[in-house]
Amino acid sequence: MSSFDERQKGFEKKFAHDQELQFKVSARRNKYIGEWVSKILGYNDEKTKEYIQSVIKADFAEAGDEDVFRKLKEDLKDHNISEDDIRKKMDELNEKAKSDFQ
């Protein structure tokens, strides 16, 4: 195997690892977001688990975070939480999720 082939395989492995890590971070962030919103909505433990799953599923609608943002915005529309507050919380919880994997 040439050094070029070895380097290519190394990049492929790194890319796969980075993608897997990003998926885990997103899933963890969505869990944290689900917990945050559940507290605001006053859900019990069972309803919180269901809600977390609905946030995780919402993330599969399209690439990026806008699908999750739209869900949160809709679910929180009657609770006086601004779009900026939602986005800030998403960013904060994304950083928390990243730190869980470091």
Protein backbone atom coordinates (compact mmCIF):
# COMPACT_ATOMS: atom_id res chain seq x y z
CA MET A 1 0.00 0.00 0.00
CA SER A 2 1.38 3.39 -0.94
CA SER A 3 1.70 6.24 1.53
CA PHE A 4 -1.02 8.06 -0.42
CA ASP A 5 -3.42 5.15 0.14
CA GLU A 6 -2.51 5.02 3.83
CA ARG A 7 -3.08 8.75 4.18
CA GLN A 8 -6.42 8.47 2.37
CA LYS A 9 -7.55 5.68 4.71
CA GLY A 10 -6.44 7.79 7.69
CA PHE A 11 -8.55 10.73 6.48
CA GLU A 12 -11.51 8.44 5.90
CA LYS A 13 -11.24 7.05 9.43
CA LYS A 14 -10.98 10.55 10.90
CA PHE A 15 -13.98 11.71 8.89
CA ALA A 16 -16.05 8.71 10.05
CA HIS A 17 -14.99 9.31 13.65
CA ASP A 18 -15.83 13.03 13.43
CA GLN A 19 -19.25 12.26 11.94
CA GLU A 20 -20.02 9.73 14.66
CA LEU A 21 -18.93 12.18 17.34
CA GLN A 22 -21.09 14.94 15.86
CA PHE A 23 -24.09 12.59 15.84
CA LYS A 24 -23.52 11.74 19.51
CA VAL A 25 -23.11 15.41 20.45
CA SER A 26 -26.34 16.33 18.62
CA ALA A 27 -28.25 13.51 20.28
CA ARG A 28 -26.97 14.52 23.71
CA ARG A 29 -27.79 18.18 23.05
CA ASN A 30 -31.30 17.19 22.00
CA LYS A 31 -31.67 15.23 25.24
CA TYR A 32 -30.63 18.27 27.25
CA ILE A 33 -32.97 20.51 25.25
CA GLY A 34 -35.83 18.07 25.81
CA GLU A 35 -35.18 18.15 29.55
CA TRP A 36 -35.06 21.96 29.56
CA VAL A 37 -38.33 22.36 27.65
CA SER A 38 -40.01 19.63 29.70
CA LYS A 39 -39.31 21.58 32.88
CA ILE A 40 -40.81 24.71 31.36
CA LEU A 41 -43.88 22.75 30.24
CA GLY A 42 -44.20 21.09 33.65
CA TYR A 43 -43.95 17.50 32.41
CA ASN A 44 -43.60 14.52 34.72
CA ASP A 45 -40.82 11.93 34.25
CA GLU A 46 -42.75 9.77 31.78
CA LYS A 47 -43.88 12.74 29.68
CA THR A 48 -40.30 14.11 29.77
CA LYS A 49 -38.94 10.86 28.31
CA GLU A 50 -41.55 11.00 25.53
CA TYR A 51 -40.76 14.64 24.83
CA ILE A 52 -37.01 13.99 24.63
CA GLN A 53 -37.71 11.29 22.04
CA SER A 54 -39.87 13.71 20.04
CA VAL A 55 -37.02 16.27 19.99
CA ILE A 56 -34.55 13.61 18.85
CA LYS A 57 -36.94 12.50 16.11
CA ALA A 58 -37.51 16.09 15.02
CA ASP A 59 -33.77 16.39 14.38
CA PHE A 60 -34.04 13.79 11.60
CA ALA A 61 -36.44 15.92 9.53
CA GLU A 62 -33.63 17.81 7.77
CA ALA A 63 -29.94 18.57 8.01
CA GLY A 64 -28.95 21.20 10.53
CA ASP A 65 -30.68 22.49 13.63
CA GLU A 66 -33.61 24.40 12.15
CA ASP A 67 -35.96 21.41 12.43
CA VAL A 68 -35.33 21.21 16.18
CA PHE A 69 -35.55 24.99 16.54
CA ARG A 70 -38.96 25.07 14.82
CA LYS A 71 -40.26 22.34 17.12
CA LEU A 72 -39.04 24.14 20.23
CA LYS A 73 -40.43 27.45 19.04
CA GLU A 74 -43.84 25.88 18.43
CA ASP A 75 -43.86 24.03 21.75
CA LEU A 76 -42.83 27.13 23.71
CA LYS A 77 -45.02 29.67 21.89
CA ASP A 78 -47.30 30.13 24.91
CA HIS A 79 -44.48 30.49 27.43
CA ASN A 80 -43.00 33.89 26.55
CA ILE A 81 -39.60 32.55 25.46
CA SER A 82 -38.01 34.42 22.57
CA GLU A 83 -36.37 32.92 19.51
CA ASP A 84 -33.07 34.37 20.71
CA ASP A 85 -33.46 32.67 24.09
CA ILE A 86 -34.15 29.34 22.38
CA ARG A 87 -31.12 29.69 20.10
CA LYS A 88 -28.89 30.72 22.99
CA LYS A 89 -30.03 27.73 25.03
CA MET A 90 -29.43 25.42 22.05
CA ASP A 91 -25.89 26.79 21.71
CA GLU A 92 -25.25 26.52 25.46
CA LEU A 93 -26.47 22.93 25.59
CA ASN A 94 -24.51 22.04 22.46
CA GLU A 95 -21.33 23.19 24.22
CA LYS A 96 -22.31 21.18 27.30
CA ALA A 97 -22.85 18.11 25.10
CA LYS A 98 -19.47 18.61 23.41
CA SER A 99 -17.75 18.77 26.77
CA ASP A 100 -19.36 15.45 27.73
CA PHE A 101 -17.34 13.77 24.98
CA GLN A 102 -13.95 15.40 25.65
